[in-house]
Amino acid sequence: MHCCANIVFSTGIAPAVLGLLIDAGFDFRVILVGMLAFIIFGWLLAQRPIAASQLSQ
């Protein structure tokens, strides 16, 4: 259950962080590149557990 709480917290805090970055004057393209970097990093982190689960089947 601890993991689910982190997911709920992160989806709740994301709009506030995005608003703060826009208010601080960050270019929206810079914010998008940062989001893309987080998505790629998360995808890379997920590859090992996905491969391990496919090998065990």
C-alpha atoms as a PDB file:
ATOM      1  CA  MET A   1       0.000   0.000   0.000  1.00  0.00           C
ATOM      2  CA  HIS A   2       2.923   2.353   0.560  1.00  0.00           C
ATOM      3  CA  CYS A   3       3.615   2.458  -3.185  1.00  0.00           C
ATOM      4  CA  CYS A   4       0.043   3.469  -3.995  1.00  0.00           C
ATOM      5  CA  ALA A   5       0.241   6.400  -1.601  1.00  0.00           C
ATOM      6  CA  ASN A   6       3.342   7.668  -3.428  1.00  0.00           C
ATOM      7  CA  ILE A   7       1.568   7.421  -6.770  1.00  0.00           C
ATOM      8  CA  VAL A   8      -1.431   9.364  -5.493  1.00  0.00           C
ATOM      9  CA  PHE A   9       0.824  12.005  -3.938  1.00  0.00           C
ATOM     10  CA  SER A  10       2.901  12.434  -7.102  1.00  0.00           C
ATOM     11  CA  THR A  11      -0.143  12.837  -9.348  1.00  0.00           C
ATOM     12  CA  GLY A  12      -1.617  15.336  -6.918  1.00  0.00           C
ATOM     13  CA  ILE A  13       1.524  17.439  -6.582  1.00  0.00           C
ATOM     14  CA  ALA A  14       2.407  17.507 -10.314  1.00  0.00           C
ATOM     15  CA  PRO A  15      -0.063  20.271 -11.339  1.00  0.00           C
ATOM     16  CA  ALA A  16       1.160  22.493  -8.511  1.00  0.00           C
ATOM     17  CA  VAL A  17       4.799  22.009  -9.482  1.00  0.00           C
ATOM     18  CA  LEU A  18       3.964  22.686 -13.137  1.00  0.00           C
ATOM     19  CA  GLY A  19       2.184  25.892 -12.133  1.00  0.00           C
ATOM     20  CA  LEU A  20       5.136  27.031 -10.032  1.00  0.00           C
ATOM     21  CA  LEU A  21       7.546  26.388 -12.897  1.00  0.00           C
ATOM     22  CA  ILE A  22       5.377  28.375 -15.317  1.00  0.00           C
ATOM     23  CA  ASP A  23       4.994  31.216 -12.798  1.00  0.00           C
ATOM     24  CA  ALA A  24       8.768  31.231 -12.276  1.00  0.00           C
ATOM     25  CA  GLY A  25       9.213  31.955 -15.970  1.00  0.00           C
ATOM     26  CA  PHE A  26      10.486  28.619 -17.255  1.00  0.00           C
ATOM     27  CA  ASP A  27       9.872  28.128 -20.946  1.00  0.00           C
ATOM     28  CA  PHE A  28       7.219  25.489 -21.540  1.00  0.00           C
ATOM     29  CA  ARG A  29       9.545  23.609 -23.917  1.00  0.00           C
ATOM     30  CA  VAL A  30      12.104  23.251 -21.135  1.00  0.00           C
ATOM     31  CA  ILE A  31       9.411  21.826 -18.872  1.00  0.00           C
ATOM     32  CA  LEU A  32       8.352  19.380 -21.598  1.00  0.00           C
ATOM     33  CA  VAL A  33      11.939  18.213 -22.121  1.00  0.00           C
ATOM     34  CA  GLY A  34      12.219  17.619 -18.370  1.00  0.00           C
ATOM     35  CA  MET A  35       8.992  15.615 -18.389  1.00  0.00           C
ATOM     36  CA  LEU A  36      10.236  13.575 -21.333  1.00  0.00           C
ATOM     37  CA  ALA A  37      13.482  12.862 -19.470  1.00  0.00           C
ATOM     38  CA  PHE A  38      11.507  11.574 -16.458  1.00  0.00           C
ATOM     39  CA  ILE A  39       9.385   9.352 -18.701  1.00  0.00           C
ATOM     40  CA  ILE A  40      12.451   7.859 -20.393  1.00  0.00           C
ATOM     41  CA  PHE A  41      14.176   7.351 -17.046  1.00  0.00           C
ATOM     42  CA  GLY A  42      11.109   5.592 -15.642  1.00  0.00           C
ATOM     43  CA  TRP A  43      10.838   3.429 -18.747  1.00  0.00           C
ATOM     44  CA  LEU A  44      14.481   2.422 -18.412  1.00  0.00           C
ATOM     45  CA  LEU A  45      14.019   1.574 -14.734  1.00  0.00           C
ATOM     46  CA  ALA A  46      11.009  -0.606 -15.588  1.00  0.00           C
ATOM     47  CA  GLN A  47      12.839  -2.744 -18.141  1.00  0.00           C
ATOM     48  CA  ARG A  48      14.605  -5.041 -15.636  1.00  0.00           C
ATOM     49  CA  PRO A  49      11.457  -6.000 -13.666  1.00  0.00           C
ATOM     50  CA  ILE A  50       9.523  -6.502 -16.907  1.00  0.00           C
ATOM     51  CA  ALA A  51      12.228  -8.788 -18.311  1.00  0.00           C
ATOM     52  CA  ALA A  52      12.447 -10.717 -15.032  1.00  0.00           C
ATOM     53  CA  SER A  53       8.693 -11.273 -14.941  1.00  0.00           C
ATOM     54  CA  GLN A  54       8.678 -12.513 -18.532  1.00  0.00           C
ATOM     55  CA  LEU A  55      11.504 -14.977 -17.812  1.00  0.00           C
ATOM     56  CA  SER A  56       9.690 -16.423 -14.820  1.00  0.00           C
ATOM     57  CA  GLN A  57       6.571 -17.250 -16.846  1.00  0.00           C
END
